[in-house]
Protein backbone atom coordinates (compact mmCIF):
# COMPACT_ATOMS: atom_id res chain seq x y z
CA MET A 1 -7.93 -55.02 73.68
CA SER A 2 -8.08 -52.98 70.53
CA ASP A 3 -6.68 -49.59 69.70
CA SER A 4 -9.23 -46.82 69.49
CA THR A 5 -9.32 -43.22 68.42
CA GLN A 6 -10.96 -40.46 70.35
CA GLY A 7 -11.41 -37.45 68.09
CA ASN A 8 -8.13 -36.97 66.26
CA ARG A 9 -5.99 -38.51 68.98
CA SER A 10 -5.14 -42.20 69.03
CA ILE A 11 -5.23 -43.71 72.51
CA PRO A 12 -2.85 -46.68 73.02
CA PHE A 13 -5.43 -49.05 74.47
CA ILE A 14 -3.45 -52.24 73.85
CA PRO A 15 -0.27 -51.51 75.88
CA LEU A 16 -2.17 -49.73 78.65
CA SER A 17 -4.80 -52.45 78.93
CA ALA A 18 -2.18 -55.22 78.77
CA TYR A 19 -0.45 -53.84 81.85
CA TYR A 20 -3.69 -53.81 83.83
CA PHE A 21 -4.41 -57.35 82.61
CA PHE A 22 -1.16 -58.86 83.92
CA TYR A 23 -0.96 -56.68 87.04
CA PHE A 24 -4.37 -57.89 88.18
CA ALA A 25 -3.71 -61.45 87.01
CA ALA A 26 -0.94 -61.33 89.64
CA VAL A 27 -3.50 -59.96 92.11
CA GLY A 28 -5.87 -62.77 91.14
CA THR A 29 -3.20 -65.30 92.06
CA LEU A 30 -1.71 -63.70 95.16
CA ILE A 31 -4.78 -62.43 97.01
CA PRO A 32 -7.16 -65.42 96.80
CA TYR A 33 -4.55 -68.16 97.18
CA LEU A 34 -1.78 -66.71 99.39
CA GLY A 35 -3.71 -67.72 102.51
CA LEU A 36 -4.16 -71.28 101.25
CA TYR A 37 -0.46 -71.43 100.31
CA LEU A 38 0.58 -70.23 103.77
CA GLN A 39 -1.85 -72.70 105.33
CA SER A 40 -0.13 -75.46 103.32
CA LEU A 41 3.12 -74.41 105.06
CA SER A 42 1.36 -75.01 108.42
CA PHE A 43 1.07 -71.33 109.37
CA GLY A 44 -1.69 -70.38 111.81
CA ALA A 45 -4.35 -67.66 111.49
CA MET A 46 -2.29 -64.95 113.22
CA GLU A 47 0.82 -65.72 111.13
CA ILE A 48 -1.28 -65.53 107.96
CA ALA A 49 -2.81 -62.27 109.21
CA GLN A 50 0.63 -60.77 109.86
CA ILE A 51 1.96 -61.73 106.43
CA THR A 52 -1.08 -60.33 104.62
CA ALA A 53 -0.89 -57.23 106.81
CA ILE A 54 2.77 -56.60 105.93
CA LEU A 55 1.82 -56.85 102.26
CA ALA A 56 -0.76 -54.13 102.81
CA MET A 57 1.60 -52.11 105.03
CA ALA A 58 4.00 -51.67 102.13
CA ARG A 59 1.28 -49.64 100.42
CA ILE A 60 1.58 -47.00 103.11
CA VAL A 61 5.23 -46.32 102.33
CA SER A 62 6.15 -47.01 98.73
CA PRO A 63 3.34 -45.51 96.58
CA PRO A 64 3.75 -41.96 97.98
CA LEU A 65 7.56 -42.21 97.77
CA LEU A 66 7.65 -43.39 94.16
CA ALA A 67 4.85 -41.01 93.17
CA LEU A 68 6.83 -38.11 94.64
CA LEU A 69 9.75 -39.04 92.41
CA ALA A 70 7.47 -39.58 89.41
CA ASP A 71 5.83 -36.18 89.80
CA ARG A 72 9.15 -34.44 90.46
CA ARG A 73 10.92 -36.01 87.47
CA GLY A 74 7.86 -36.39 85.25
CA GLN A 75 8.75 -40.00 84.51
CA PHE A 76 5.64 -42.07 85.21
CA LEU A 77 6.60 -44.93 82.91
CA PHE A 78 10.20 -45.22 84.14
CA TYR A 79 9.06 -45.81 87.71
CA ALA A 80 6.36 -48.25 86.60
CA GLN A 81 9.05 -50.22 84.75
CA LEU A 82 11.51 -50.11 87.66
CA THR A 83 8.99 -51.32 90.23
CA SER A 84 7.49 -53.96 87.93
CA PHE A 85 10.84 -55.59 87.14
CA MET A 86 11.90 -55.53 90.80
CA SER A 87 8.60 -57.24 91.71
CA ALA A 88 9.18 -59.95 89.09
CA LEU A 89 12.62 -60.66 90.54
CA LEU A 90 11.46 -60.72 94.16
CA VAL A 91 8.59 -63.14 93.53
CA LEU A 92 11.19 -65.79 92.66
CA GLY A 93 11.97 -65.92 96.38
CA PHE A 94 8.79 -67.92 96.98
CA TRP A 95 10.52 -70.92 95.38
CA TRP A 96 13.02 -71.40 98.22
CA LEU A 97 11.77 -69.45 101.26
CA ASP A 98 9.24 -71.21 103.49
CA ASP A 99 9.83 -70.02 107.07
CA PHE A 100 7.79 -67.24 108.66
CA GLY A 101 10.58 -64.69 109.14
CA SER A 102 11.96 -64.99 105.61
CA LEU A 103 8.52 -64.85 104.01
CA LEU A 104 7.64 -61.79 106.09
CA TRP A 105 10.65 -59.92 104.67
CA LEU A 106 10.03 -61.21 101.15
CA ILE A 107 6.40 -60.07 101.25
CA TRP A 108 7.43 -56.66 102.56
CA TRP A 109 9.84 -55.97 99.69
CA LEU A 110 7.52 -57.51 97.12
CA GLY A 111 4.72 -55.29 98.36
CA PHE A 112 7.04 -52.27 98.47
CA PHE A 113 7.78 -52.44 94.74
CA TRP A 114 4.56 -54.06 93.48
CA HIS A 115 2.21 -51.59 95.14
CA ALA A 116 4.33 -48.68 93.93
CA ALA A 117 3.95 -49.79 90.31
CA LEU A 118 0.25 -49.06 89.82
CA PRO A 119 -0.06 -45.36 90.79
CA PRO A 120 2.43 -44.16 88.13
CA MET A 121 0.59 -46.30 85.55
CA GLU A 122 -2.73 -44.86 86.71
CA GLY A 123 -1.25 -41.38 86.35
CA LEU A 124 0.13 -42.21 82.90
CA THR A 125 -3.21 -43.68 81.79
CA LEU A 126 -5.29 -40.74 83.00
CA ARG A 127 -2.90 -38.17 81.57
CA THR A 128 -2.85 -40.05 78.24
CA LEU A 129 -6.66 -40.02 78.15
CA GLY A 130 -6.75 -36.27 78.79
CA ASP A 131 -10.36 -35.08 78.73
CA ASP A 132 -11.62 -38.53 77.74
CA LEU A 133 -11.78 -39.85 81.32
CA ALA A 134 -14.85 -41.94 80.48
CA SER A 135 -12.53 -44.31 78.58
CA TYR A 136 -10.67 -45.12 81.81
CA SER A 137 -13.21 -47.78 82.76
CA ARG A 138 -12.78 -49.45 79.34
CA ILE A 139 -9.03 -49.78 79.99
CA ARG A 140 -9.31 -50.67 83.67
CA LEU A 141 -11.78 -53.47 82.96
CA TRP A 142 -8.94 -55.50 81.41
CA GLY A 143 -7.42 -55.67 84.86
CA SER A 144 -10.62 -57.35 85.97
CA VAL A 145 -10.40 -59.76 83.02
CA GLY A 146 -6.85 -60.64 84.05
CA PHE A 147 -8.02 -61.24 87.61
CA ILE A 148 -10.77 -63.57 86.35
CA VAL A 149 -8.40 -65.58 84.15
CA ALA A 150 -6.00 -66.03 87.05
CA VAL A 151 -8.39 -66.71 89.91
CA LEU A 152 -10.47 -69.21 87.94
CA GLY A 153 -7.59 -70.95 86.17
CA VAL A 154 -5.35 -71.15 89.22
CA GLY A 155 -8.19 -72.54 91.35
CA TYR A 156 -8.83 -75.41 88.94
CA LEU A 157 -5.11 -76.10 88.50
CA ILE A 158 -4.47 -76.14 92.26
CA GLU A 159 -7.26 -78.69 92.64
CA SER A 160 -5.67 -80.84 89.93
CA PHE A 161 -1.94 -80.42 90.54
CA GLY A 162 -1.59 -79.03 94.05
CA ILE A 163 -0.49 -75.77 95.63
CA VAL A 164 2.74 -75.64 93.57
CA VAL A 165 0.55 -74.10 90.85
CA PHE A 166 0.48 -70.97 93.02
CA LEU A 167 4.25 -70.59 92.62
CA TRP A 168 4.25 -71.16 88.86
CA SER A 169 1.38 -68.72 88.33
CA MET A 170 2.99 -66.01 90.44
CA THR A 171 6.24 -66.33 88.51
CA LEU A 172 4.48 -66.17 85.13
CA PHE A 173 2.16 -63.24 85.76
CA PHE A 174 4.74 -61.04 87.47
CA ALA A 175 7.21 -61.66 84.63
CA LEU A 176 4.63 -60.74 81.98
CA MET A 177 3.58 -57.66 83.98
CA ALA A 178 7.16 -56.44 83.90
CA LEU A 179 7.76 -57.23 80.24
CA VAL A 180 4.60 -55.48 79.05
CA THR A 181 5.82 -52.17 80.49
CA LEU A 182 8.28 -52.14 77.58
CA MET A 183 5.28 -51.85 75.20
CA ASN A 184 4.19 -48.55 76.73
CA HIS A 185 5.45 -45.12 75.82
CA GLU A 186 5.41 -41.83 77.70
CA GLN A 187 4.19 -38.81 75.79
CA PRO A 188 6.00 -35.47 76.27
CA HIS A 189 2.93 -33.83 77.81
CA THR A 190 3.07 -36.21 80.79
CA ARG A 191 6.35 -34.72 81.98
CA ALA A 192 6.02 -32.48 84.99
CA GLN A 193 7.81 -29.15 85.31
CA GLY A 194 8.24 -29.40 89.05
CA LEU A 195 6.56 -30.32 92.32
CA ASP A 196 4.40 -27.83 94.15
CA LEU A 197 4.32 -29.19 97.72
CA ALA A 198 2.31 -26.22 98.94
CA GLY A 199 -0.29 -26.85 96.26
CA LEU A 200 -0.37 -30.55 97.12
CA TRP A 201 -0.98 -29.74 100.79
CA GLN A 202 -3.74 -27.32 99.84
CA SER A 203 -5.49 -30.20 98.05
CA VAL A 204 -4.97 -32.70 100.85
CA LYS A 205 -6.16 -30.52 103.73
CA GLN A 206 -9.57 -29.75 102.24
CA PRO A 207 -12.20 -31.21 104.62
CA VAL A 208 -14.04 -32.92 101.78
CA VAL A 209 -10.82 -34.61 100.59
CA LEU A 210 -10.07 -35.84 104.11
CA LEU A 211 -13.63 -37.11 104.45
CA VAL A 212 -13.48 -39.01 101.15
CA LEU A 213 -10.12 -40.56 102.08
CA GLY A 214 -11.46 -41.49 105.53
CA LEU A 215 -14.53 -43.28 104.24
CA ALA A 216 -12.43 -44.96 101.54
CA LEU A 217 -10.12 -46.25 104.29
CA LEU A 218 -13.08 -47.82 106.09
CA VAL A 219 -14.43 -49.42 102.92
CA GLN A 220 -11.01 -50.89 102.15
CA LEU A 221 -10.59 -52.02 105.76
CA SER A 222 -13.69 -54.13 105.24
CA HIS A 223 -12.27 -55.43 101.96
CA GLY A 224 -8.96 -56.14 103.73
CA VAL A 225 -10.86 -58.69 105.80
CA TYR A 226 -12.23 -60.14 102.55
CA TYR A 227 -8.87 -60.38 100.79
CA ALA A 228 -7.13 -61.99 103.76
CA PHE A 229 -9.75 -64.48 104.99
CA TYR A 230 -12.49 -65.06 102.38
CA SER A 231 -10.74 -68.09 100.84
CA LEU A 232 -10.00 -69.49 104.29
CA LEU A 233 -13.66 -69.02 105.29
CA LEU A 234 -14.80 -70.89 102.18
CA ASP A 235 -12.23 -73.64 102.72
CA ALA A 236 -13.33 -74.06 106.35
CA THR A 237 -16.97 -74.18 105.24
CA GLY A 238 -16.18 -77.07 102.87
CA TYR A 239 -15.87 -75.45 99.45
CA SER A 240 -13.27 -76.88 97.03
CA ALA A 241 -10.45 -74.86 95.45
CA SER A 242 -12.32 -74.66 92.14
CA GLU A 243 -15.51 -73.54 93.90
CA ILE A 244 -13.51 -70.88 95.75
CA GLY A 245 -12.13 -69.72 92.41
CA LEU A 246 -15.61 -69.60 90.91
CA LEU A 247 -16.94 -67.43 93.74
CA TRP A 248 -14.02 -65.02 93.42
CA THR A 249 -14.60 -64.98 89.65
CA LEU A 250 -18.29 -64.12 89.99
CA GLY A 251 -17.42 -60.97 91.86
CA VAL A 252 -14.94 -59.82 89.26
CA VAL A 253 -17.23 -60.70 86.32
CA ALA A 254 -19.79 -58.37 87.84
CA GLU A 255 -17.02 -55.77 88.21
CA VAL A 256 -16.03 -56.16 84.53
CA LEU A 257 -19.59 -55.61 83.34
CA LEU A 258 -19.79 -52.54 85.55
CA PHE A 259 -16.55 -51.10 84.19
CA TRP A 260 -17.66 -51.77 80.60
CA ARG A 261 -20.99 -49.94 80.87
CA PHE A 262 -20.54 -47.54 83.75
CA ALA A 263 -19.59 -44.56 81.59
CA GLN A 264 -23.02 -44.75 79.93
CA PHE A 265 -24.99 -44.22 83.13
CA GLN A 266 -22.53 -42.62 85.55
CA HIS A 267 -24.17 -39.23 84.92
CA LEU A 268 -27.48 -40.46 86.34
CA LEU A 269 -26.34 -40.04 89.95
CA SER A 270 -24.13 -37.60 91.81
CA PHE A 271 -20.81 -38.55 93.37
CA LYS A 272 -22.41 -38.70 96.83
CA ALA A 273 -25.34 -40.79 95.58
CA TRP A 274 -22.99 -43.35 94.01
CA LEU A 275 -21.04 -43.56 97.27
CA LEU A 276 -24.25 -44.09 99.25
CA LEU A 277 -25.21 -46.94 96.94
CA ALA A 278 -21.75 -48.53 97.00
CA THR A 279 -21.22 -48.36 100.78
CA GLY A 280 -24.79 -49.46 101.54
CA LEU A 281 -24.36 -52.56 99.40
CA THR A 282 -20.95 -53.17 100.98
CA LEU A 283 -22.61 -53.36 104.38
CA LEU A 284 -25.24 -55.76 103.04
CA ARG A 285 -22.59 -57.93 101.40
CA TRP A 286 -20.58 -58.51 104.57
CA ILE A 287 -23.69 -59.22 106.62
CA VAL A 288 -24.61 -61.96 104.16
CA VAL A 289 -21.11 -63.47 104.18
CA ALA A 290 -20.92 -63.38 107.99
CA SER A 291 -24.30 -65.02 108.44
CA PHE A 292 -24.81 -67.38 105.48
CA ALA A 293 -21.41 -68.72 104.33
CA ASP A 294 -22.92 -72.20 104.02
CA VAL A 295 -25.72 -71.04 101.67
CA TRP A 296 -24.07 -71.04 98.25
CA TRP A 297 -26.73 -69.08 96.39
CA LEU A 298 -26.58 -66.24 98.93
CA LEU A 299 -22.81 -66.16 98.51
CA VAL A 300 -23.36 -65.86 94.76
CA ILE A 301 -25.57 -62.81 95.31
CA ALA A 302 -23.02 -61.34 97.73
CA GLN A 303 -20.23 -61.79 95.19
CA LEU A 304 -22.26 -60.10 92.47
CA LEU A 305 -22.46 -57.07 94.76
CA HIS A 306 -18.71 -56.64 94.14
CA ALA A 307 -19.73 -54.61 91.08
CA ALA A 308 -20.86 -51.89 93.48
CA THR A 309 -18.72 -52.46 96.58
CA PHE A 310 -15.47 -52.28 94.60
CA GLY A 311 -16.29 -51.34 91.00
CA VAL A 312 -18.53 -48.31 91.48
CA PHE A 313 -16.59 -47.12 94.51
CA HIS A 314 -13.21 -47.36 92.78
CA VAL A 315 -14.22 -45.62 89.55
CA VAL A 316 -16.02 -42.66 91.13
CA VAL A 317 -13.34 -42.09 93.78
CA VAL A 318 -10.40 -42.38 91.34
CA GLN A 319 -12.03 -39.91 88.94
CA TRP A 320 -12.94 -37.54 91.79
CA LEU A 321 -9.36 -37.63 93.11
CA HIS A 322 -8.01 -37.02 89.62
CA ARG A 323 -9.93 -33.75 89.57
CA ALA A 324 -9.10 -32.89 93.19
CA PHE A 325 -5.36 -33.44 92.61
CA HIS A 326 -5.27 -32.21 89.02
CA ALA A 327 -1.68 -30.92 89.34
CA HIS A 328 -0.43 -33.97 91.27
CA GLN A 329 -2.07 -36.99 89.62
CA ALA A 330 0.51 -39.60 90.61
CA GLN A 331 0.63 -38.41 94.20
CA GLY A 332 -3.14 -38.16 94.44
CA GLN A 333 -3.49 -41.77 93.32
CA ALA A 334 -0.62 -42.82 95.60
CA LEU A 335 -2.22 -41.10 98.59
CA TYR A 336 -5.45 -42.96 97.87
CA VAL A 337 -3.60 -46.29 97.65
CA SER A 338 -1.49 -45.58 100.75
CA ILE A 339 -4.35 -44.56 103.02
CA THR A 340 -7.07 -46.91 101.82
CA TYR A 341 -5.39 -50.10 100.59
CA GLY A 342 -2.38 -49.51 102.84
CA ILE A 343 -3.66 -48.46 106.25
CA GLY A 344 -7.09 -49.95 105.60
CA GLY A 345 -5.59 -53.22 104.39
CA VAL A 346 -3.23 -53.49 107.37
CA LEU A 347 -6.00 -52.84 109.89
CA GLY A 348 -8.37 -55.18 108.07
CA SER A 349 -5.87 -58.05 107.96
CA LEU A 350 -4.69 -57.73 111.56
CA LEU A 351 -8.11 -57.19 113.11
CA ALA A 352 -9.48 -60.05 111.01
CA GLY A 353 -6.76 -62.33 112.37
CA TYR A 354 -7.82 -61.59 115.95
CA ALA A 355 -11.49 -61.95 115.01
CA TRP A 356 -10.80 -65.31 113.36
CA VAL A 357 -9.04 -66.65 116.47
CA TRP A 358 -11.90 -65.38 118.62
CA GLY A 359 -14.93 -66.36 116.55
CA GLN A 360 -13.89 -67.84 113.19
CA GLY A 361 -15.58 -66.67 109.98
CA SER A 362 -18.76 -65.13 111.39
CA ALA A 363 -16.88 -62.79 113.72
CA THR A 364 -14.35 -61.94 111.03
CA PHE A 365 -16.93 -60.72 108.52
CA ALA A 366 -19.04 -59.11 111.22
CA LEU A 367 -15.97 -56.90 111.70
CA ALA A 368 -16.06 -56.07 107.98
CA ALA A 369 -19.74 -55.13 108.31
CA VAL A 370 -18.99 -52.76 111.19
CA ALA A 371 -16.34 -50.97 109.09
CA ALA A 372 -18.77 -50.66 106.18
CA ALA A 373 -21.44 -49.23 108.49
CA ALA A 374 -18.98 -46.59 109.72
CA ALA A 375 -18.13 -45.69 106.10
CA LEU A 376 -21.82 -45.34 105.27
CA THR A 377 -22.21 -42.92 108.17
CA LEU A 378 -19.42 -40.72 106.77
CA VAL A 379 -21.03 -40.70 103.32
CA PHE A 380 -24.21 -39.26 104.81
CA ILE A 381 -22.31 -36.24 106.13
CA LEU A 382 -20.37 -35.72 102.89
CA PRO A 383 -21.27 -32.32 101.37
CA LYS A 384 -23.33 -32.52 98.19
CA GLN A 385 -20.67 -30.67 96.24
CA GLY A 386 -18.23 -33.49 97.13
């Protein structure tokens, strides 16, 4: 993570990249291993589904609320700091809460503040980059590196020392995520003069914006199944904790390579063409997972497709929304998070829980494939100018 200069303007790559690193190191601990931790507390599939769903549900509420305040007050960094430190404090509750009701409330408030932290940082990063949006992928890739470090390291440590490693890792990464916000600085040009609600609504109600948000919801619904039940599927199939970590890592390594080089060839295809590629490969990925979970080399191929199913999709949609909501960056990113990761994540987790009870892993990821197929259908009707 080195500082770089674009033209005559120095871009603070180190503090921006460091935040992504620790934020997604927390993701790399919480998402892959929360299900295994809850399973160790003797929770069933539906209880696990409800807890993971409430984590996603918080994304519906808090990102738009905090983004509204950030845009109104023009204080992106302040709200990133507030939410990051609150998250670091709340995660300490895992050390003494172990019943379903208490954990449900803890996860809700953790999700409320944690999910609200990223959109202001995304807004700060994109506004800091200015016209140099191609550098976004070079900063964002450090989030993927953080995820890899966490998911691989925590998997090996859990296998060696037990599930208590989950608690130690959560505490460490959330604390570092909060502390690194103090390294960042907000430039005067990021401060908003006011909030134009009418202008925001004009952006939201465009048919092409609604269509993009709708297909993004479906893609993230399919990934909600993945985040909630992929580790449990692998565990039920007989994979060890370290092997589970390796498979998660493969997907994010592919994502990192994509982020690192994507700016060099992004111009080769249109926005719609990239979405067709990403959603088509998403459908293929979930079909493979649903049908061949016991064939390790096919799972390796499916995980490598994460470069397209998440990496390509995320970069092109985030950049497109940045242009579509040019006067409301924080709220545009928050709306994306709320609708896709929030509503999509909630539906994915809950529906996956029912599918798991009904038909175990095959039915669960068949559900993900159906959602991806619906998203692909919407991409086909997306206007070319989208």
